[in-house]
Protein backbone atom coordinates (compact mmCIF):
# COMPACT_ATOMS: atom_id res chain seq x y z
CA MET A 1 0.36 -0.12 0.05
CA LYS A 2 0.76 3.69 -0.80
CA LYS A 3 2.56 5.35 1.80
CA LYS A 4 -0.19 7.85 2.98
CA LYS A 5 0.55 11.77 2.47
CA LYS A 6 0.55 13.77 5.62
CA ILE A 7 -0.99 17.62 5.89
CA VAL A 8 -0.95 19.61 8.64
CA VAL A 9 -3.57 22.75 8.83
CA PHE A 10 -3.03 26.20 10.63
CA ALA A 11 -5.85 28.31 10.94
CA SER A 12 -7.30 31.23 13.40
CA GLY A 13 -10.75 31.50 13.06
CA ASN A 14 -13.74 30.51 11.44
CA GLY A 15 -12.79 27.48 9.66
CA SER A 16 -14.76 27.27 6.86
CA SER A 17 -11.63 26.55 4.84
CA PHE A 18 -10.58 23.76 6.96
CA GLU A 19 -13.61 22.76 6.91
CA ASN A 20 -13.68 22.63 3.14
CA ILE A 21 -10.41 20.79 2.67
CA CYS A 22 -11.01 18.43 4.90
CA LYS A 23 -14.15 17.15 3.02
CA LYS A 24 -12.54 17.53 -0.65
CA LEU A 25 -9.35 16.04 -0.11
CA SER A 26 -10.74 12.68 2.43
CA LYS A 27 -11.80 11.32 -1.05
CA PHE A 28 -8.54 10.32 -2.05
CA ASP A 29 -7.40 7.41 0.27
CA PHE A 30 -3.36 8.88 0.13
CA VAL A 31 -4.08 11.86 1.68
CA GLU A 32 -4.15 12.81 5.36
CA ILE A 33 -5.08 15.51 7.22
CA SER A 34 -2.71 14.39 10.25
CA LYS A 35 -3.38 17.73 12.90
CA LEU A 36 -4.96 21.34 13.38
CA TYR A 37 -3.14 24.07 14.33
CA CYS A 38 -4.59 26.98 16.26
CA ASN A 39 -3.55 29.96 17.82
CA ASP A 40 -7.08 30.89 19.55
CA SER A 41 -9.06 28.52 22.00
CA ASN A 42 -12.62 29.48 21.05
CA ALA A 43 -12.41 29.41 17.58
CA PHE A 44 -14.77 27.66 15.52
CA VAL A 45 -12.34 26.09 13.48
CA ILE A 46 -11.83 23.41 16.59
CA GLU A 47 -15.52 22.45 16.24
CA ARG A 48 -14.85 21.84 12.63
CA ALA A 49 -12.14 19.72 13.66
CA LYS A 50 -13.90 17.52 16.29
CA LYS A 51 -16.02 16.68 13.60
CA GLN A 52 -14.01 15.54 11.21
CA ASN A 53 -11.86 13.40 14.07
CA ILE A 54 -8.67 15.48 13.64
CA GLU A 55 -6.33 16.29 16.04
CA THR A 56 -6.11 19.79 17.32
CA PHE A 57 -2.95 21.47 18.88
CA VAL A 58 -3.99 24.80 20.41
CA PHE A 59 -1.14 26.57 21.18
CA GLN A 60 -0.78 30.17 22.88
CA ASN A 61 1.41 32.50 20.43
CA GLU A 62 4.97 32.57 22.16
CA ASP A 63 4.84 28.44 21.13
CA LEU A 64 5.69 29.27 17.59
CA SER A 65 8.91 30.85 18.90
CA ASN A 66 10.13 28.93 21.62
CA LYS A 67 10.40 25.81 19.41
CA LYS A 68 6.90 23.75 20.95
CA ILE A 69 5.25 23.88 17.51
CA PHE A 70 8.59 23.79 15.35
CA ILE A 71 9.55 19.92 17.56
CA ASP A 72 5.81 18.91 17.00
CA LEU A 73 5.84 19.86 13.50
CA GLN A 74 9.19 17.64 12.92
CA ASN A 75 7.54 14.49 15.24
CA VAL A 76 4.53 15.09 12.76
CA LYS A 77 6.95 15.47 9.66
CA PRO A 78 3.96 16.42 7.49
CA ASN A 79 4.74 16.39 3.58
CA LEU A 80 2.47 19.42 3.40
CA ILE A 81 1.75 22.81 5.76
CA VAL A 82 -1.26 24.49 4.85
CA LEU A 83 -2.31 28.17 6.45
CA ALA A 84 -6.24 28.34 6.02
CA GLY A 85 -6.77 32.02 7.70
CA PHE A 86 -4.00 32.11 10.01
CA LEU A 87 -2.37 35.44 10.98
CA LYS A 88 0.58 34.76 13.22
CA LYS A 89 3.86 34.63 10.77
CA ILE A 90 5.84 31.26 10.79
CA PRO A 91 9.13 31.82 12.20
CA THR A 92 12.13 31.34 9.95
CA ASP A 93 13.26 27.91 11.78
CA ILE A 94 10.20 26.42 10.40
CA ILE A 95 9.79 27.89 7.09
CA ASN A 96 14.06 26.52 7.10
CA GLU A 97 12.67 23.16 8.12
CA PHE A 98 10.12 22.84 5.67
CA LYS A 99 11.67 24.68 2.86
CA ASN A 100 8.99 24.40 -0.17
CA LYS A 101 5.73 22.55 1.66
CA ILE A 102 4.58 25.72 3.48
CA ILE A 103 1.50 26.85 1.08
CA ASN A 104 -0.50 29.59 2.06
CA ILE A 105 -4.37 31.27 0.52
CA HIS A 106 -4.79 35.44 0.40
CA PRO A 107 -7.91 37.12 -0.67
CA SER A 108 -5.90 39.62 -3.40
CA LEU A 109 -4.19 39.24 -6.30
CA LEU A 110 -0.49 39.40 -4.85
CA PRO A 111 1.76 41.22 -4.82
CA LYS A 112 -1.35 43.76 -4.61
CA TYR A 113 -2.65 43.82 -1.39
CA GLY A 114 -0.57 41.99 0.62
CA GLY A 115 1.90 42.46 3.86
CA ARG A 116 1.12 42.95 7.17
CA GLY A 117 -2.19 43.78 8.37
CA MET A 118 -3.90 42.98 4.91
CA TYR A 119 -6.12 40.03 5.30
CA GLY A 120 -9.72 39.44 5.25
CA VAL A 121 -12.69 41.88 4.66
CA LYS A 122 -9.58 44.62 4.80
CA VAL A 123 -8.24 43.87 1.39
CA HIS A 124 -11.93 43.95 0.03
CA GLU A 125 -12.07 47.43 1.40
CA LYS A 126 -8.83 48.49 -0.17
CA VAL A 127 -9.43 46.67 -3.33
CA ILE A 128 -12.89 48.90 -3.57
CA GLU A 129 -11.08 52.22 -2.74
CA ASN A 130 -8.97 51.70 -5.09
CA GLU A 131 -11.42 51.02 -7.85
CA GLU A 132 -9.98 48.08 -9.16
CA LYS A 133 -11.81 45.77 -12.19
CA GLU A 134 -10.70 42.70 -11.17
CA THR A 135 -9.46 40.86 -8.05
CA GLY A 136 -9.12 37.44 -6.89
CA PHE A 137 -6.63 34.91 -4.75
CA THR A 138 -3.08 33.65 -4.59
CA ILE A 139 -1.67 30.43 -3.20
CA HIS A 140 1.77 31.11 -2.68
CA TYR A 141 4.72 29.26 -1.04
CA VAL A 142 5.34 30.80 2.61
CA ASP A 143 8.78 32.36 3.10
CA LYS A 144 10.60 34.84 5.65
CA ASN A 145 8.35 38.23 5.17
CA TYR A 146 4.47 38.41 4.46
CA ASP A 147 2.57 37.29 0.95
CA GLU A 148 6.25 37.25 -0.32
CA GLY A 149 6.76 33.64 -1.14
CA ASP A 150 6.97 32.51 -5.07
CA ILE A 151 3.42 32.18 -6.45
CA ILE A 152 1.86 28.98 -7.33
CA PHE A 153 -1.56 29.50 -8.55
CA GLN A 154 -3.52 33.05 -8.43
CA LYS A 155 -7.52 33.31 -10.06
CA LYS A 156 -8.94 36.24 -11.41
CA LEU A 157 -12.80 37.89 -10.63
CA SER A 158 -14.05 41.14 -12.32
CA ILE A 159 -15.47 43.52 -9.69
CA LYS A 160 -19.18 43.79 -10.10
CA LYS A 161 -20.15 45.02 -6.85
CA LYS A 162 -18.39 47.49 -5.01
CA ASN A 163 -19.02 46.24 -1.79
CA PRO A 164 -16.41 44.57 0.50
CA ASN A 165 -18.62 41.66 1.75
CA HIS A 166 -19.98 41.26 -1.13
CA LEU A 167 -16.57 40.60 -3.11
CA ALA A 168 -15.01 38.43 0.68
CA LYS A 169 -17.74 36.16 -0.51
CA GLU A 170 -16.93 35.31 -4.30
CA VAL A 171 -13.34 35.19 -3.40
CA LEU A 172 -13.91 32.76 -0.90
CA LYS A 173 -15.90 30.69 -3.40
CA MET A 174 -13.44 30.55 -5.54
CA GLU A 175 -10.91 29.75 -3.09
CA HIS A 176 -13.01 27.19 -1.63
CA MET A 177 -13.17 25.61 -5.18
CA TYR A 178 -9.32 25.59 -5.74
CA TYR A 179 -7.16 25.41 -2.54
CA PRO A 180 -8.04 21.71 -2.49
CA GLU A 181 -6.73 21.26 -5.98
CA ILE A 182 -3.46 23.17 -5.93
CA ILE A 183 -2.77 20.94 -2.23
CA LEU A 184 -3.03 17.96 -4.01
CA LYS A 185 -1.02 19.36 -7.21
CA CYS A 186 1.47 20.36 -4.36
CA LEU A 187 1.56 16.88 -2.82
CA ASN A 188 1.96 14.90 -6.34
CA GLU A 189 4.95 17.44 -7.40
CA GLU A 190 6.31 17.49 -3.76
CA LYS A 191 9.47 18.86 -4.15
CA PRO A 192 12.80 17.65 -1.70
């Protein structure tokens, strides 16, 4: 039997992307979502993980820098680390240990509207404020700077309604459609 490829997910909030990933990838028997890492003990994503029977590691933000997460990740040995609505910066030691194995999804067409403080509806407000004609999302590798890693995939969307909440829903729908596909692609093209 083929060895399963392990994915771990970092999420901080509601967890709709996490749940979507779990549901879509559960159809593939060579993929295992091994663990959810969450830095908010009140985040709804934890309930979603329980329903999916996925182990959860709830941690304090300082655990990112004090090696607790680093050591746990070394023990799990994931093939891919997926960020799905996780807002903290991943420390350099984790990035170096898991080079080209950490991916993130961002709700804009990077390099536009990325960087510290640019997340969620804030991105869509800026896009509308600057009268952009299109937006979309970007899936990229994580490096030491926010939203600057190599781009893996982008999908564009024409802006029809100048409403940030509506735009957020439209972009999220597209993210849900494509993120699981790109995760599979990254697993299949795994870099050494």
